[in-house]
């Protein structure tokens, strides 16, 4: 089986391949549980845990690593709208590549259309597809930005992500702090541009608070 060389990479697998990966991962996780001192087969609560964990990884937690990119629908910008398009409070559920622990939060995505506009739910699908992989938040922010800029042939894109990381809150320093990453291009890079200010205001007003 071909292996991914980057934690946040993508290699679409067939349903048959995914089932085979679940089988192998379940066997490996059973060995991991034994290695850290658990006889998982002796407890009715954990006897099926290895397979549950394997399915959770392949079907949910890293599904963006093993599936094809979403179908991105665009529409002609017939009225030549040149204002800002913003989608706020997009849920982010991802995994730290360093410790394989979850980080969760919200993304705000904005762009200034050119010849086309994107279907509204597609921004959510883009964030979801890239989020469901092991990675750094910085890389996730960059990937989403670059994908939208490329697909939309759009020079002005802004992506802001705010998340809490369990690798920070559940281990190490054990502080539930919030990490924010931003990637701007085009007019969003201009300090006194009203479109930039509108985007930053949308994050403040519409961004879902992390409690």
N, C-alpha and C. Protein backbone atom coordinates (compact mmCIF):
# COMPACT_ATOMS: atom_id res chain seq x y z
N UNK A 1 0.84 -1.20 0.00
CA UNK A 1 0.00 0.00 0.00
C UNK A 1 0.87 1.25 0.00
N UNK A 2 0.54 2.18 -0.88
CA UNK A 2 1.27 3.44 -0.93
C UNK A 2 0.98 4.27 0.31
N UNK A 3 2.01 4.85 0.91
CA UNK A 3 1.87 5.61 2.13
C UNK A 3 2.02 7.10 1.86
N UNK A 4 1.28 7.90 2.61
CA UNK A 4 1.40 9.35 2.52
C UNK A 4 2.73 9.79 3.11
N UNK A 5 3.38 10.71 2.45
CA UNK A 5 4.68 11.21 2.92
C UNK A 5 4.54 12.45 3.80
N UNK A 6 3.35 13.08 3.78
CA UNK A 6 3.08 14.24 4.63
C UNK A 6 1.83 13.96 5.46
N UNK A 7 1.85 14.36 6.72
CA UNK A 7 0.72 14.06 7.60
C UNK A 7 -0.57 14.69 7.12
N UNK A 8 -0.48 15.86 6.48
CA UNK A 8 -1.69 16.54 6.02
C UNK A 8 -1.94 16.33 4.53
N UNK A 9 -1.34 15.29 3.98
CA UNK A 9 -1.53 14.98 2.57
C UNK A 9 -2.84 14.26 2.31
N UNK A 10 -3.04 13.91 1.04
CA UNK A 10 -4.27 13.23 0.63
C UNK A 10 -3.95 12.18 -0.41
N UNK A 11 -4.53 11.01 -0.23
CA UNK A 11 -4.46 9.94 -1.21
C UNK A 11 -5.78 9.18 -1.15
N UNK A 12 -6.63 9.44 -2.13
CA UNK A 12 -7.98 8.85 -2.11
C UNK A 12 -7.88 7.32 -2.19
N UNK A 13 -8.63 6.67 -1.33
CA UNK A 13 -8.65 5.20 -1.29
C UNK A 13 -10.03 4.69 -1.70
N UNK A 14 -10.06 3.48 -2.22
CA UNK A 14 -11.34 2.85 -2.55
C UNK A 14 -11.99 2.36 -1.26
N UNK A 15 -13.32 2.13 -1.29
CA UNK A 15 -13.98 1.58 -0.09
C UNK A 15 -13.34 0.27 0.36
N UNK A 16 -12.91 -0.55 -0.59
CA UNK A 16 -12.28 -1.82 -0.24
C UNK A 16 -10.94 -1.58 0.46
N UNK A 17 -10.19 -0.63 -0.03
CA UNK A 17 -8.91 -0.31 0.61
C UNK A 17 -9.12 0.22 2.02
N UNK A 18 -10.13 1.04 2.21
CA UNK A 18 -10.40 1.59 3.54
C UNK A 18 -10.77 0.48 4.51
N UNK A 19 -11.55 -0.49 4.07
CA UNK A 19 -11.90 -1.61 4.95
C UNK A 19 -10.67 -2.43 5.32
N UNK A 20 -9.78 -2.62 4.37
CA UNK A 20 -8.54 -3.33 4.66
C UNK A 20 -7.68 -2.55 5.65
N UNK A 21 -7.64 -1.23 5.49
CA UNK A 21 -6.88 -0.39 6.41
C UNK A 21 -7.47 -0.44 7.81
N UNK A 22 -8.78 -0.49 7.92
CA UNK A 22 -9.44 -0.60 9.23
C UNK A 22 -9.03 -1.91 9.91
N UNK A 23 -9.02 -2.99 9.14
CA UNK A 23 -8.63 -4.29 9.70
C UNK A 23 -7.20 -4.25 10.24
N UNK A 24 -6.29 -3.70 9.45
CA UNK A 24 -4.88 -3.65 9.87
C UNK A 24 -4.68 -2.69 11.04
N UNK A 25 -5.40 -1.55 11.01
CA UNK A 25 -5.26 -0.57 12.09
C UNK A 25 -5.82 -1.11 13.40
N UNK A 26 -6.92 -1.86 13.33
CA UNK A 26 -7.50 -2.46 14.53
C UNK A 26 -6.53 -3.44 15.16
N UNK A 27 -5.88 -4.23 14.34
CA UNK A 27 -4.89 -5.19 14.85
C UNK A 27 -3.72 -4.45 15.50
N UNK A 28 -3.29 -3.37 14.87
CA UNK A 28 -2.17 -2.61 15.42
C UNK A 28 -2.54 -1.91 16.72
N UNK A 29 -3.77 -1.39 16.79
CA UNK A 29 -4.17 -0.70 18.01
C UNK A 29 -4.37 -1.68 19.16
N UNK A 30 -4.79 -2.89 18.84
CA UNK A 30 -4.88 -3.92 19.88
C UNK A 30 -3.51 -4.15 20.50
N UNK A 31 -2.48 -4.21 19.65
CA UNK A 31 -1.12 -4.36 20.16
C UNK A 31 -0.68 -3.16 20.97
N UNK A 32 -1.11 -1.97 20.57
CA UNK A 32 -0.78 -0.76 21.32
C UNK A 32 -1.39 -0.82 22.72
N UNK A 33 -2.66 -1.21 22.82
CA UNK A 33 -3.31 -1.31 24.13
C UNK A 33 -2.59 -2.31 25.03
N UNK A 34 -2.19 -3.43 24.46
CA UNK A 34 -1.41 -4.40 25.23
C UNK A 34 -0.09 -3.80 25.67
N UNK A 35 0.54 -3.03 24.78
CA UNK A 35 1.85 -2.47 25.07
C UNK A 35 1.81 -1.47 26.20
N UNK A 36 0.67 -0.76 26.37
CA UNK A 36 0.57 0.20 27.46
C UNK A 36 -0.13 -0.40 28.68
N UNK A 37 -0.28 -1.73 28.70
CA UNK A 37 -0.67 -2.41 29.92
C UNK A 37 -2.12 -2.80 30.06
N UNK A 38 -2.90 -2.81 28.97
CA UNK A 38 -4.32 -3.15 29.07
C UNK A 38 -4.63 -4.47 28.37
N UNK A 39 -5.34 -5.33 29.09
CA UNK A 39 -5.94 -6.50 28.45
C UNK A 39 -7.36 -6.09 28.05
N UNK A 40 -7.46 -5.49 26.87
CA UNK A 40 -8.74 -4.92 26.43
C UNK A 40 -9.81 -5.99 26.23
N UNK A 41 -9.38 -7.24 26.03
CA UNK A 41 -10.35 -8.32 25.80
C UNK A 41 -11.02 -8.77 27.09
N UNK A 42 -10.47 -8.40 28.24
CA UNK A 42 -11.03 -8.85 29.52
C UNK A 42 -12.17 -7.98 30.01
N UNK A 43 -12.41 -6.84 29.35
CA UNK A 43 -13.44 -5.89 29.78
C UNK A 43 -14.46 -5.74 28.65
N UNK A 44 -15.72 -5.96 28.96
CA UNK A 44 -16.75 -5.88 27.93
C UNK A 44 -16.87 -4.47 27.34
N UNK A 45 -16.40 -3.44 28.08
CA UNK A 45 -16.45 -2.08 27.56
C UNK A 45 -15.39 -1.82 26.48
N UNK A 46 -14.32 -2.60 26.49
CA UNK A 46 -13.20 -2.32 25.59
C UNK A 46 -12.89 -3.44 24.59
N UNK A 47 -13.65 -4.52 24.65
CA UNK A 47 -13.32 -5.67 23.80
C UNK A 47 -13.35 -5.31 22.31
N UNK A 48 -14.18 -4.35 21.91
CA UNK A 48 -14.24 -3.93 20.51
C UNK A 48 -13.57 -2.58 20.26
N UNK A 49 -12.83 -2.09 21.26
CA UNK A 49 -12.21 -0.76 21.13
C UNK A 49 -11.23 -0.65 19.96
N UNK A 50 -10.37 -1.62 19.72
CA UNK A 50 -9.43 -1.47 18.60
C UNK A 50 -10.13 -1.21 17.27
N UNK A 51 -11.20 -1.91 17.01
CA UNK A 51 -11.90 -1.69 15.73
C UNK A 51 -12.65 -0.36 15.75
N UNK A 52 -13.21 0.01 16.90
CA UNK A 52 -13.89 1.31 16.99
C UNK A 52 -12.91 2.45 16.70
N UNK A 53 -11.73 2.36 17.28
CA UNK A 53 -10.72 3.40 17.07
C UNK A 53 -10.31 3.46 15.61
N UNK A 54 -10.08 2.29 15.01
CA UNK A 54 -9.68 2.24 13.60
C UNK A 54 -10.75 2.85 12.70
N UNK A 55 -12.01 2.54 12.96
CA UNK A 55 -13.10 3.09 12.16
C UNK A 55 -13.23 4.59 12.38
N UNK A 56 -13.05 5.04 13.62
CA UNK A 56 -13.14 6.48 13.90
C UNK A 56 -12.07 7.24 13.12
N UNK A 57 -10.87 6.70 13.04
CA UNK A 57 -9.80 7.35 12.28
C UNK A 57 -10.16 7.41 10.79
N UNK A 58 -10.45 6.28 10.19
CA UNK A 58 -10.63 6.22 8.74
C UNK A 58 -11.95 6.82 8.27
N UNK A 59 -12.99 6.74 9.09
CA UNK A 59 -14.31 7.22 8.67
C UNK A 59 -14.59 8.66 9.10
N UNK A 60 -13.86 9.14 10.13
CA UNK A 60 -14.15 10.48 10.67
C UNK A 60 -12.91 11.34 10.81
N UNK A 61 -11.98 10.94 11.68
CA UNK A 61 -10.90 11.83 12.09
C UNK A 61 -9.93 12.18 10.97
N UNK A 62 -9.62 11.24 10.07
CA UNK A 62 -8.70 11.52 8.97
C UNK A 62 -9.37 11.25 7.62
N UNK A 63 -10.67 11.40 7.56
CA UNK A 63 -11.38 11.10 6.31
C UNK A 63 -10.90 12.01 5.17
N UNK A 64 -10.43 13.21 5.50
CA UNK A 64 -9.90 14.10 4.48
C UNK A 64 -8.60 13.60 3.86
N UNK A 65 -7.95 12.65 4.52
CA UNK A 65 -6.70 12.09 3.99
C UNK A 65 -6.96 10.99 2.96
N UNK A 66 -8.16 10.41 2.98
CA UNK A 66 -8.40 9.20 2.17
C UNK A 66 -9.55 9.34 1.18
N UNK A 67 -10.11 10.54 1.04
CA UNK A 67 -11.24 10.74 0.13
C UNK A 67 -10.90 11.77 -0.93
N UNK A 68 -11.66 11.74 -2.01
CA UNK A 68 -11.50 12.72 -3.08
C UNK A 68 -11.94 14.10 -2.63
N UNK A 69 -11.40 15.12 -3.26
CA UNK A 69 -11.78 16.50 -2.94
C UNK A 69 -13.27 16.71 -3.22
N UNK A 70 -13.91 17.63 -2.48
CA UNK A 70 -15.34 17.87 -2.70
C UNK A 70 -15.59 18.48 -4.07
N UNK A 71 -16.80 18.26 -4.57
CA UNK A 71 -17.21 18.86 -5.83
C UNK A 71 -17.55 20.32 -5.58
N UNK A 72 -16.74 21.23 -6.12
CA UNK A 72 -16.90 22.65 -5.84
C UNK A 72 -17.71 23.30 -6.97
N UNK A 73 -18.93 23.69 -6.65
CA UNK A 73 -19.81 24.33 -7.62
C UNK A 73 -19.58 25.83 -7.62
N UNK A 74 -19.35 26.38 -8.81
CA UNK A 74 -19.22 27.82 -8.97
C UNK A 74 -20.30 28.32 -9.93
N UNK A 75 -20.63 29.61 -9.81
CA UNK A 75 -21.66 30.22 -10.64
C UNK A 75 -21.11 31.50 -11.26
N UNK A 76 -21.52 31.82 -12.50
CA UNK A 76 -21.04 33.05 -13.13
C UNK A 76 -21.44 34.28 -12.31
N UNK A 77 -20.49 35.18 -12.17
CA UNK A 77 -20.73 36.43 -11.45
C UNK A 77 -21.31 37.45 -12.45
N UNK A 78 -22.55 37.19 -12.88
CA UNK A 78 -23.15 37.95 -13.98
C UNK A 78 -23.30 39.44 -13.67
N UNK A 79 -23.53 39.78 -12.41
CA UNK A 79 -23.73 41.18 -12.06
C UNK A 79 -22.44 41.87 -11.62
N UNK A 80 -21.32 41.13 -11.77
CA UNK A 80 -19.99 41.70 -11.49
C UNK A 80 -19.89 42.23 -10.06
N UNK A 81 -20.43 41.43 -9.12
CA UNK A 81 -20.31 41.78 -7.70
C UNK A 81 -18.84 41.81 -7.32
N UNK A 82 -18.39 42.93 -6.77
CA UNK A 82 -16.98 43.05 -6.39
C UNK A 82 -16.80 43.37 -4.91
N UNK A 83 -17.85 43.06 -4.12
CA UNK A 83 -17.76 43.23 -2.68
C UNK A 83 -17.21 41.98 -2.03
N UNK A 84 -17.27 41.95 -0.72
CA UNK A 84 -16.69 40.86 0.06
C UNK A 84 -17.73 39.76 0.31
N UNK A 85 -17.31 38.52 0.15
CA UNK A 85 -18.12 37.35 0.51
C UNK A 85 -17.47 36.71 1.73
N UNK A 86 -18.25 36.52 2.80
CA UNK A 86 -17.72 35.96 4.05
C UNK A 86 -18.59 34.80 4.51
N UNK A 87 -17.96 33.72 4.90
CA UNK A 87 -18.65 32.62 5.57
C UNK A 87 -18.01 32.46 6.95
N UNK A 88 -18.81 32.66 8.00
CA UNK A 88 -18.29 32.66 9.37
C UNK A 88 -18.75 31.42 10.13
N UNK A 89 -18.09 31.18 11.24
CA UNK A 89 -18.48 30.12 12.19
C UNK A 89 -18.50 28.74 11.54
N UNK A 90 -17.53 28.48 10.67
CA UNK A 90 -17.42 27.15 10.06
C UNK A 90 -16.69 26.23 11.05
N UNK A 91 -17.32 25.15 11.49
CA UNK A 91 -16.67 24.28 12.47
C UNK A 91 -15.38 23.66 11.94
N UNK A 92 -14.39 23.59 12.80
CA UNK A 92 -13.12 22.93 12.49
C UNK A 92 -12.91 21.82 13.51
N UNK A 93 -12.75 20.60 13.03
CA UNK A 93 -12.40 19.46 13.87
C UNK A 93 -11.19 18.81 13.21
N UNK A 94 -10.06 18.88 13.88
CA UNK A 94 -8.83 18.37 13.29
C UNK A 94 -7.98 17.66 14.34
N UNK A 95 -6.77 17.30 13.94
CA UNK A 95 -5.90 16.52 14.82
C UNK A 95 -4.47 17.01 14.71
N UNK A 96 -3.85 17.23 15.85
CA UNK A 96 -2.45 17.63 15.89
C UNK A 96 -1.57 16.50 15.37
N UNK A 97 -0.70 16.83 14.41
CA UNK A 97 0.18 15.82 13.84
C UNK A 97 1.24 15.35 14.83
N UNK A 98 1.53 16.16 15.84
CA UNK A 98 2.61 15.84 16.77
C UNK A 98 2.21 14.81 17.82
N UNK A 99 0.99 14.96 18.34
CA UNK A 99 0.54 14.07 19.41
C UNK A 99 -0.72 13.28 19.06
N UNK A 100 -1.25 13.51 17.86
CA UNK A 100 -2.51 12.86 17.45
C UNK A 100 -3.63 13.12 18.44
N UNK A 101 -3.70 14.36 18.92
CA UNK A 101 -4.78 14.80 19.79
C UNK A 101 -5.59 15.87 19.05
N UNK A 102 -6.87 15.98 19.41
CA UNK A 102 -7.77 16.84 18.66
C UNK A 102 -7.52 18.32 18.90
N UNK A 103 -7.77 19.12 17.87
CA UNK A 103 -7.97 20.56 18.07
C UNK A 103 -9.24 20.97 17.34
N UNK A 104 -10.02 21.80 18.00
CA UNK A 104 -11.34 22.16 17.49
C UNK A 104 -11.58 23.66 17.62
N UNK A 105 -12.39 24.17 16.72
CA UNK A 105 -12.71 25.59 16.76
C UNK A 105 -13.53 26.00 15.57
N UNK A 106 -13.23 27.18 15.03
CA UNK A 106 -14.03 27.73 13.94
C UNK A 106 -13.14 28.46 12.94
N UNK A 107 -13.60 28.45 11.69
CA UNK A 107 -12.92 29.18 10.62
C UNK A 107 -13.84 30.26 10.07
N UNK A 108 -13.23 31.36 9.65
CA UNK A 108 -13.91 32.39 8.88
C UNK A 108 -13.18 32.53 7.56
N UNK A 109 -13.94 32.44 6.47
CA UNK A 109 -13.36 32.48 5.13
C UNK A 109 -13.98 33.64 4.36
N UNK A 110 -13.15 34.41 3.69
CA UNK A 110 -13.65 35.51 2.88
C UNK A 110 -12.91 35.59 1.55
N UNK A 111 -13.59 36.10 0.53
CA UNK A 111 -12.93 36.32 -0.76
C UNK A 111 -13.67 37.41 -1.52
N UNK A 112 -12.99 38.02 -2.46
CA UNK A 112 -13.58 39.00 -3.36
C UNK A 112 -13.73 38.33 -4.72
N UNK A 113 -14.96 38.13 -5.23
CA UNK A 113 -15.16 37.37 -6.46
C UNK A 113 -14.57 38.06 -7.68
N UNK A 114 -14.20 37.23 -8.65
CA UNK A 114 -13.83 37.71 -9.97
C UNK A 114 -14.95 37.35 -10.93
N UNK A 115 -14.68 36.42 -11.83
CA UNK A 115 -15.67 36.02 -12.82
C UNK A 115 -16.72 35.07 -12.25
N UNK A 116 -16.42 34.45 -11.10
CA UNK A 116 -17.33 33.45 -10.53
C UNK A 116 -17.49 33.64 -9.03
N UNK A 117 -18.60 33.10 -8.52
CA UNK A 117 -18.81 32.99 -7.08
C UNK A 117 -18.96 31.50 -6.78
N UNK A 118 -18.63 31.13 -5.55
CA UNK A 118 -18.68 29.72 -5.16
C UNK A 118 -19.99 29.44 -4.43
N UNK A 119 -20.53 28.21 -4.61
CA UNK A 119 -21.70 27.81 -3.85
C UNK A 119 -21.44 27.91 -2.36
N UNK A 120 -22.37 28.49 -1.64
CA UNK A 120 -22.14 28.86 -0.25
C UNK A 120 -21.66 27.70 0.61
N UNK A 121 -22.32 26.54 0.52
CA UNK A 121 -21.94 25.40 1.37
C UNK A 121 -20.58 24.84 0.99
N UNK A 122 -20.08 25.19 -0.19
CA UNK A 122 -18.81 24.62 -0.64
C UNK A 122 -17.64 25.13 0.18
N UNK A 123 -17.74 26.36 0.69
CA UNK A 123 -16.68 26.84 1.57
C UNK A 123 -16.60 25.97 2.83
N UNK A 124 -17.76 25.59 3.36
CA UNK A 124 -17.78 24.68 4.51
C UNK A 124 -17.15 23.34 4.15
N UNK A 125 -17.47 22.83 2.97
CA UNK A 125 -16.95 21.53 2.56
C UNK A 125 -15.43 21.56 2.38
N UNK A 126 -14.92 22.68 1.88
CA UNK A 126 -13.48 22.82 1.72
C UNK A 126 -12.79 22.78 3.08
N UNK A 127 -13.32 23.56 4.03
CA UNK A 127 -12.76 23.57 5.38
C UNK A 127 -12.82 22.18 6.00
N UNK A 128 -13.95 21.51 5.84
CA UNK A 128 -14.12 20.17 6.42
C UNK A 128 -13.13 19.18 5.82
N UNK A 129 -12.96 19.20 4.50
CA UNK A 129 -12.09 18.24 3.83
C UNK A 129 -10.64 18.40 4.27
N UNK A 130 -10.17 19.62 4.36
CA UNK A 130 -8.80 19.85 4.78
C UNK A 130 -8.61 19.65 6.29
N UNK A 131 -9.66 19.91 7.07
CA UNK A 131 -9.54 19.80 8.53
C UNK A 131 -9.35 18.37 8.99
N UNK A 132 -10.00 17.44 8.31
CA UNK A 132 -10.02 16.05 8.79
C UNK A 132 -8.74 15.31 8.40
N UNK A 133 -7.62 15.80 8.93
CA UNK A 133 -6.31 15.21 8.69
C UNK A 133 -5.41 15.53 9.89
N UNK A 134 -4.35 14.74 10.12
CA UNK A 134 -3.36 15.13 11.12
C UNK A 134 -2.50 16.27 10.57
N UNK A 135 -2.30 17.34 11.36
CA UNK A 135 -1.60 18.50 10.81
C UNK A 135 -1.33 19.56 11.87
N UNK A 136 -0.66 20.62 11.43
CA UNK A 136 -0.54 21.83 12.23
C UNK A 136 -1.62 22.80 11.78
N UNK A 137 -2.11 23.61 12.70
CA UNK A 137 -3.13 24.60 12.35
C UNK A 137 -2.61 25.59 11.31
N UNK A 138 -1.34 25.93 11.41
CA UNK A 138 -0.75 26.85 10.43
C UNK A 138 -0.86 26.29 9.01
N UNK A 139 -0.56 24.99 8.87
CA UNK A 139 -0.63 24.35 7.56
C UNK A 139 -2.06 24.28 7.06
N UNK A 140 -2.99 23.99 7.95
CA UNK A 140 -4.41 23.92 7.59
C UNK A 140 -4.87 25.26 7.02
N UNK A 141 -4.51 26.34 7.69
CA UNK A 141 -4.91 27.67 7.24
C UNK A 141 -4.36 27.96 5.85
N UNK A 142 -3.11 27.62 5.64
CA UNK A 142 -2.47 27.84 4.34
C UNK A 142 -3.13 27.01 3.25
N UNK A 143 -3.41 25.73 3.53
CA UNK A 143 -4.01 24.85 2.55
C UNK A 143 -5.38 25.37 2.09
N UNK A 144 -6.22 25.75 3.03
CA UNK A 144 -7.56 26.24 2.69
C UNK A 144 -7.44 27.49 1.83
N UNK A 145 -6.58 28.42 2.24
CA UNK A 145 -6.38 29.65 1.48
C UNK A 145 -5.96 29.35 0.04
N UNK A 146 -4.93 28.53 -0.12
CA UNK A 146 -4.38 28.27 -1.44
C UNK A 146 -5.37 27.53 -2.33
N UNK A 147 -6.13 26.63 -1.75
CA UNK A 147 -7.11 25.86 -2.52
C UNK A 147 -8.19 26.79 -3.07
N UNK A 148 -8.73 27.67 -2.23
CA UNK A 148 -9.76 28.60 -2.68
C UNK A 148 -9.20 29.56 -3.74
N UNK A 149 -8.01 30.09 -3.50
CA UNK A 149 -7.40 31.01 -4.46
C UNK A 149 -7.20 30.34 -5.81
N UNK A 150 -6.81 29.06 -5.81
CA UNK A 150 -6.57 28.34 -7.05
C UNK A 150 -7.88 27.98 -7.75
N UNK A 151 -8.82 27.41 -7.00
CA UNK A 151 -10.09 26.95 -7.60
C UNK A 151 -10.90 28.11 -8.14
N UNK A 152 -10.86 29.25 -7.44
CA UNK A 152 -11.66 30.41 -7.83
C UNK A 152 -10.89 31.35 -8.73
N UNK A 153 -9.59 31.05 -8.98
CA UNK A 153 -8.73 31.98 -9.70
C UNK A 153 -8.89 33.37 -9.11
N UNK A 154 -8.73 33.42 -7.78
CA UNK A 154 -9.08 34.62 -7.02
C UNK A 154 -7.85 35.14 -6.29
N UNK A 155 -7.43 36.38 -6.54
CA UNK A 155 -6.22 36.90 -5.90
C UNK A 155 -6.42 37.41 -4.48
N UNK A 156 -7.68 37.60 -4.07
CA UNK A 156 -7.95 38.17 -2.74
C UNK A 156 -8.76 37.19 -1.90
N UNK A 157 -8.06 36.49 -1.01
CA UNK A 157 -8.67 35.47 -0.15
C UNK A 157 -8.18 35.67 1.27
N UNK A 158 -9.06 35.47 2.23
CA UNK A 158 -8.69 35.57 3.65
C UNK A 158 -9.24 34.36 4.40
N UNK A 159 -8.39 33.77 5.22
CA UNK A 159 -8.80 32.63 6.05
C UNK A 159 -8.29 32.87 7.47
N UNK A 160 -9.20 32.80 8.43
CA UNK A 160 -8.84 32.94 9.84
C UNK A 160 -9.39 31.74 10.60
N UNK A 161 -8.53 31.10 11.38
CA UNK A 161 -8.95 29.92 12.15
C UNK A 161 -8.56 30.12 13.61
N UNK A 162 -9.51 29.87 14.51
CA UNK A 162 -9.26 29.93 15.96
C UNK A 162 -9.65 28.59 16.57
N UNK A 163 -8.71 27.97 17.28
CA UNK A 163 -8.96 26.63 17.83
C UNK A 163 -8.35 26.46 19.22
N UNK A 164 -8.95 25.55 19.95
CA UNK A 164 -8.36 25.04 21.18
C UNK A 164 -7.72 23.69 20.89
N UNK A 165 -6.52 23.49 21.44
CA UNK A 165 -5.74 22.28 21.17
C UNK A 165 -5.64 21.44 22.44
N UNK A 166 -6.11 20.19 22.36
CA UNK A 166 -6.01 19.32 23.53
C UNK A 166 -4.58 18.90 23.81
N UNK A 167 -3.68 19.03 22.82
CA UNK A 167 -2.28 18.74 23.12
C UNK A 167 -1.69 19.83 24.00
N UNK A 168 -2.38 20.96 24.11
CA UNK A 168 -1.97 22.03 25.02
C UNK A 168 -2.76 21.97 26.33
N UNK A 169 -4.05 21.66 26.23
CA UNK A 169 -4.90 21.69 27.43
C UNK A 169 -4.88 20.39 28.23
N UNK A 170 -4.59 19.25 27.59
CA UNK A 170 -4.66 17.95 28.26
C UNK A 170 -3.30 17.36 28.60
N UNK A 171 -2.24 18.00 28.14
CA UNK A 171 -0.88 17.52 28.44
C UNK A 171 0.02 18.74 28.47
N UNK A 172 1.29 18.52 28.77
CA UNK A 172 2.23 19.63 28.76
C UNK A 172 1.83 20.73 29.73
N UNK A 173 1.62 21.93 29.23
CA UNK A 173 1.29 23.08 30.08
C UNK A 173 -0.10 22.98 30.68
N UNK A 174 -1.00 22.25 30.01
CA UNK A 174 -2.38 22.04 30.48
C UNK A 174 -3.16 23.35 30.61
N UNK A 175 -3.02 24.20 29.62
CA UNK A 175 -3.76 25.46 29.56
C UNK A 175 -4.73 25.44 28.38
N UNK A 176 -6.01 25.76 28.60
CA UNK A 176 -7.01 25.76 27.52
C UNK A 176 -6.99 27.06 26.72
N UNK A 177 -5.86 27.42 26.18
CA UNK A 177 -5.73 28.66 25.43
C UNK A 177 -6.25 28.48 24.00
N UNK A 178 -6.41 29.61 23.30
CA UNK A 178 -6.92 29.61 21.93
C UNK A 178 -5.82 30.06 20.98
N UNK A 179 -5.62 29.30 19.92
CA UNK A 179 -4.64 29.65 18.90
C UNK A 179 -5.37 30.19 17.68
N UNK A 180 -4.91 31.34 17.16
CA UNK A 180 -5.50 31.93 15.95
C UNK A 180 -4.44 32.02 14.87
N UNK A 181 -4.81 31.59 13.66
CA UNK A 181 -3.93 31.69 12.50
C UNK A 181 -4.67 32.38 11.37
N UNK A 182 -3.98 33.25 10.66
CA UNK A 182 -4.57 34.01 9.56
C UNK A 182 -3.69 33.90 8.33
N UNK A 183 -4.34 33.78 7.16
CA UNK A 183 -3.64 33.86 5.89
C UNK A 183 -4.43 34.78 4.97
N UNK A 184 -3.83 35.90 4.60
CA UNK A 184 -4.48 36.90 3.76
C UNK A 184 -3.69 37.05 2.46
N UNK A 185 -4.40 37.44 1.41
CA UNK A 185 -3.75 37.78 0.14
C UNK A 185 -4.55 38.88 -0.55
N UNK A 186 -3.94 39.51 -1.53
CA UNK A 186 -4.63 40.55 -2.29
C UNK A 186 -5.00 41.74 -1.44
N UNK A 187 -6.25 42.22 -1.58
CA UNK A 187 -6.68 43.42 -0.86
C UNK A 187 -6.68 43.23 0.65
N UNK A 188 -6.73 41.98 1.10
CA UNK A 188 -6.73 41.72 2.54
C UNK A 188 -5.38 42.03 3.17
N UNK A 189 -4.36 42.21 2.34
CA UNK A 189 -3.03 42.54 2.84
C UNK A 189 -2.84 44.05 2.99
N UNK A 190 -3.76 44.84 2.46
CA UNK A 190 -3.65 46.30 2.50
C UNK A 190 -4.17 46.81 3.84
N UNK A 191 -3.31 47.41 4.61
CA UNK A 191 -3.60 47.75 6.00
C UNK A 191 -4.86 48.59 6.18
N UNK A 192 -5.06 49.61 5.36
CA UNK A 192 -6.18 50.52 5.54
C UNK A 192 -7.34 50.23 4.58
N UNK A 193 -7.35 49.05 3.98
CA UNK A 193 -8.41 48.71 3.04
C UNK A 193 -9.71 48.39 3.78
N UNK A 194 -10.83 48.96 3.32
CA UNK A 194 -12.12 48.76 3.99
C UNK A 194 -12.57 47.31 3.92
N UNK A 195 -12.20 46.60 2.87
CA UNK A 195 -12.58 45.19 2.77
C UNK A 195 -11.87 44.38 3.85
N UNK A 196 -10.60 44.67 4.09
CA UNK A 196 -9.86 44.02 5.18
C UNK A 196 -10.53 44.31 6.52
N UNK A 197 -10.90 45.57 6.74
CA UNK A 197 -11.54 45.94 7.99
C UNK A 197 -12.88 45.24 8.15
N UNK A 198 -13.62 45.10 7.06
CA UNK A 198 -14.92 44.42 7.10
C UNK A 198 -14.74 42.96 7.49
N UNK A 199 -13.71 42.31 6.95
CA UNK A 199 -13.45 40.91 7.29
C UNK A 199 -13.08 40.76 8.75
N UNK A 200 -12.19 41.61 9.24
CA UNK A 200 -11.78 41.54 10.64
C UNK A 200 -12.96 41.80 11.58
N UNK A 201 -13.84 42.71 11.17
CA UNK A 201 -15.04 42.99 11.97
C UNK A 201 -15.96 41.77 11.99
N UNK A 202 -16.07 41.08 10.86
CA UNK A 202 -16.93 39.89 10.80
C UNK A 202 -16.44 38.80 11.73
N UNK A 203 -15.12 38.67 11.85
CA UNK A 203 -14.56 37.68 12.79
C UNK A 203 -14.98 38.04 14.21
N UNK A 204 -14.88 39.31 14.54
CA UNK A 204 -15.19 39.78 15.89
C UNK A 204 -16.67 39.61 16.21
N UNK A 205 -17.54 39.91 15.24
CA UNK A 205 -18.99 39.92 15.49
C UNK A 205 -19.61 38.54 15.28
N UNK A 206 -19.22 37.85 14.20
CA UNK A 206 -19.88 36.61 13.81
C UNK A 206 -19.11 35.35 14.14
N UNK A 207 -17.83 35.49 14.44
CA UNK A 207 -17.05 34.31 14.77
C UNK A 207 -17.57 33.66 16.04
N UNK A 208 -17.75 32.34 15.98
CA UNK A 208 -18.28 31.63 17.14
C UNK A 208 -17.27 31.67 18.28
N UNK A 209 -17.67 32.10 19.47
CA UNK A 209 -16.73 32.18 20.59
C UNK A 209 -16.33 30.79 21.10
N UNK A 210 -15.09 30.66 21.48
CA UNK A 210 -14.60 29.41 22.07
C UNK A 210 -14.66 29.52 23.59
N UNK A 211 -15.45 28.66 24.20
CA UNK A 211 -15.63 28.71 25.66
C UNK A 211 -14.94 27.54 26.31
